[in-house]
Amino acid sequence: MPLLGAFVLAVMRFIWRAVVRPRVDVYADGLQIIGFWDRHWIPGAAIRRIDTEDGMAVTTTEGDVVEVFAFSRSLLDRGRTAAAAQQMRRAKPARPGRAGEAPAVLRAPDWTWVDLLFVPMPVFMLLFVTGAYGS
């Protein structure tokens, strides 16, 4: 029963991270991109381009490409990519900063204690299916 409970929690957490959690918060001075495993803060002066051709990606003045999971290939967000990109472009100044002069893009992993269920779950499931655990 604890194994089943941990499995259900891990699946629910995975679905939440994949479907509900990814988003882009647009501020006057930049973008907060919250993805599947991490989050990025991109200052407006560091935004060079916002592409919507194959999914959605933000290119910085340093040449880094930050893939945006929300509003890109998600089935829930199809058809809203162009509107989302237009809203995101409001945070981009008319002239982006030069490489080396623009503020740095901040990237941080975003984990909580519940995410630790992702690590042992495949091992437990393999042991359970092979009969090495629970017999």
Protein backbone atom coordinates (compact mmCIF):
# COMPACT_ATOMS: atom_id res chain seq x y z
CA MET A 1 0.00 0.00 0.00
CA PRO A 2 2.79 2.53 0.73
CA LEU A 3 4.31 1.71 -2.66
CA LEU A 4 1.00 2.31 -4.40
CA GLY A 5 0.52 5.57 -2.50
CA ALA A 6 4.01 6.76 -3.43
CA PHE A 7 3.38 5.80 -7.06
CA VAL A 8 0.09 7.71 -7.20
CA LEU A 9 1.73 10.76 -5.60
CA ALA A 10 4.62 10.61 -8.06
CA VAL A 11 2.28 10.37 -11.06
CA MET A 12 0.13 13.24 -9.78
CA ARG A 13 3.21 15.38 -9.19
CA PHE A 14 4.55 14.57 -12.66
CA ILE A 15 1.22 15.53 -14.28
CA TRP A 16 1.12 18.76 -12.25
CA ARG A 17 4.67 19.68 -13.29
CA ALA A 18 4.04 18.83 -16.95
CA VAL A 19 0.59 20.31 -17.48
CA VAL A 20 -0.33 22.83 -14.78
CA ARG A 21 2.93 24.36 -13.58
CA PRO A 22 4.72 25.64 -16.74
CA ARG A 23 3.96 29.29 -17.30
CA VAL A 24 5.39 32.66 -18.23
CA ASP A 25 4.86 35.68 -15.99
CA VAL A 26 5.32 38.94 -17.86
CA TYR A 27 6.57 41.94 -15.89
CA ALA A 28 7.44 45.44 -17.06
CA ASP A 29 11.14 44.71 -16.56
CA GLY A 30 11.40 41.09 -17.70
CA LEU A 31 10.04 37.57 -17.95
CA GLN A 32 9.76 34.86 -15.31
CA ILE A 33 9.69 31.51 -17.14
CA ILE A 34 8.69 28.56 -14.98
CA GLY A 35 9.39 25.27 -16.69
CA PHE A 36 9.23 21.59 -15.91
CA TRP A 37 12.35 21.40 -13.70
CA ASP A 38 13.59 24.97 -13.37
CA ARG A 39 12.80 28.67 -13.57
CA HIS A 40 14.44 31.52 -15.43
CA TRP A 41 14.38 35.26 -14.84
CA ILE A 42 15.15 37.09 -18.08
CA PRO A 43 15.51 40.87 -17.71
CA GLY A 44 13.88 42.85 -20.51
CA ALA A 45 17.22 44.31 -21.62
CA ALA A 46 18.57 40.77 -22.11
CA ILE A 47 15.79 39.69 -24.52
CA ARG A 48 16.92 39.70 -28.13
CA ARG A 49 14.15 37.70 -29.78
CA ILE A 50 11.02 35.67 -29.01
CA ASP A 51 10.51 32.89 -31.57
CA THR A 52 7.27 31.01 -32.13
CA GLU A 53 8.23 28.99 -35.18
CA ASP A 54 8.90 25.54 -33.70
CA GLY A 55 7.40 25.87 -30.26
CA MET A 56 8.41 28.97 -28.32
CA ALA A 57 11.88 30.11 -27.35
CA VAL A 58 13.43 33.29 -25.98
CA THR A 59 16.87 34.21 -27.31
CA THR A 60 19.01 36.43 -25.09
CA THR A 61 21.61 39.01 -26.03
CA GLU A 62 24.30 36.53 -24.95
CA GLY A 63 22.99 34.01 -27.48
CA ASP A 64 21.40 31.66 -24.95
CA VAL A 65 18.12 30.07 -25.98
CA VAL A 66 15.53 29.46 -23.26
CA GLU A 67 12.83 27.02 -24.36
CA VAL A 68 9.36 27.88 -23.11
CA PHE A 69 7.24 24.83 -22.35
CA ALA A 70 4.05 26.78 -21.66
CA PHE A 71 2.42 28.09 -24.84
CA SER A 72 4.64 26.00 -27.05
CA ARG A 73 3.97 22.36 -27.77
CA SER A 74 1.38 21.86 -25.04
CA LEU A 75 -1.94 20.52 -26.28
CA LEU A 76 -3.78 22.76 -23.83
CA ASP A 77 -2.17 25.93 -25.16
CA ARG A 78 -2.36 25.33 -28.92
CA GLY A 79 -3.63 28.32 -30.81
CA ARG A 80 -2.62 30.80 -28.11
CA THR A 81 1.10 30.90 -28.93
CA ALA A 82 0.95 34.04 -31.06
CA ALA A 83 -1.09 35.94 -28.46
CA ALA A 84 1.25 34.82 -25.69
CA ALA A 85 4.32 35.89 -27.70
CA GLN A 86 2.76 39.30 -28.31
CA GLN A 87 2.18 39.74 -24.58
CA MET A 88 5.74 38.58 -23.81
CA ARG A 89 7.16 41.10 -26.30
CA ARG A 90 5.84 43.91 -24.07
CA ALA A 91 8.66 43.16 -21.62
CA LYS A 92 11.25 43.56 -24.39
CA PRO A 93 12.57 47.09 -24.81
CA ALA A 94 12.70 48.66 -28.27
CA ARG A 95 16.47 48.17 -28.35
CA PRO A 96 17.93 45.24 -26.43
CA GLY A 97 21.13 45.71 -24.46
CA ARG A 98 24.46 44.75 -25.93
CA ALA A 99 26.05 41.42 -25.17
CA GLY A 100 27.99 41.71 -21.93
CA GLU A 101 26.18 44.89 -20.86
CA ALA A 102 22.68 43.47 -20.35
CA PRO A 103 21.75 42.04 -16.94
CA ALA A 104 22.38 38.33 -16.56
CA VAL A 105 19.71 35.70 -17.04
CA LEU A 106 19.13 33.91 -13.75
CA ARG A 107 18.42 30.18 -13.84
CA ALA A 108 17.52 28.17 -10.76
CA PRO A 109 16.49 24.55 -10.34
CA ASP A 110 13.07 24.29 -8.80
CA TRP A 111 12.72 21.22 -6.59
CA THR A 112 10.75 20.45 -3.47
CA TRP A 113 10.83 17.44 -1.16
CA VAL A 114 7.85 15.88 -3.01
CA ASP A 115 9.96 15.72 -6.18
CA LEU A 116 12.21 13.19 -4.49
CA LEU A 117 9.50 10.64 -5.27
CA PHE A 118 10.66 10.75 -8.91
CA VAL A 119 14.03 9.27 -8.00
CA PRO A 120 13.23 5.98 -6.19
CA MET A 121 9.92 5.29 -7.96
CA PRO A 122 11.39 3.62 -11.11
CA VAL A 123 13.65 1.48 -8.92
CA PHE A 124 10.77 0.38 -6.68
CA MET A 125 8.57 -0.37 -9.67
CA LEU A 126 11.31 -2.47 -11.30
CA LEU A 127 11.88 -4.42 -8.08
CA PHE A 128 8.13 -4.89 -7.61
CA VAL A 129 7.53 -6.08 -11.21
CA THR A 130 10.47 -8.51 -11.13
CA GLY A 131 9.28 -9.92 -7.80
CA ALA A 132 12.41 -8.96 -5.86
CA TYR A 133 10.35 -6.66 -3.62
CA GLY A 134 7.13 -7.60 -1.90
CA SER A 135 7.36 -11.37 -2.28
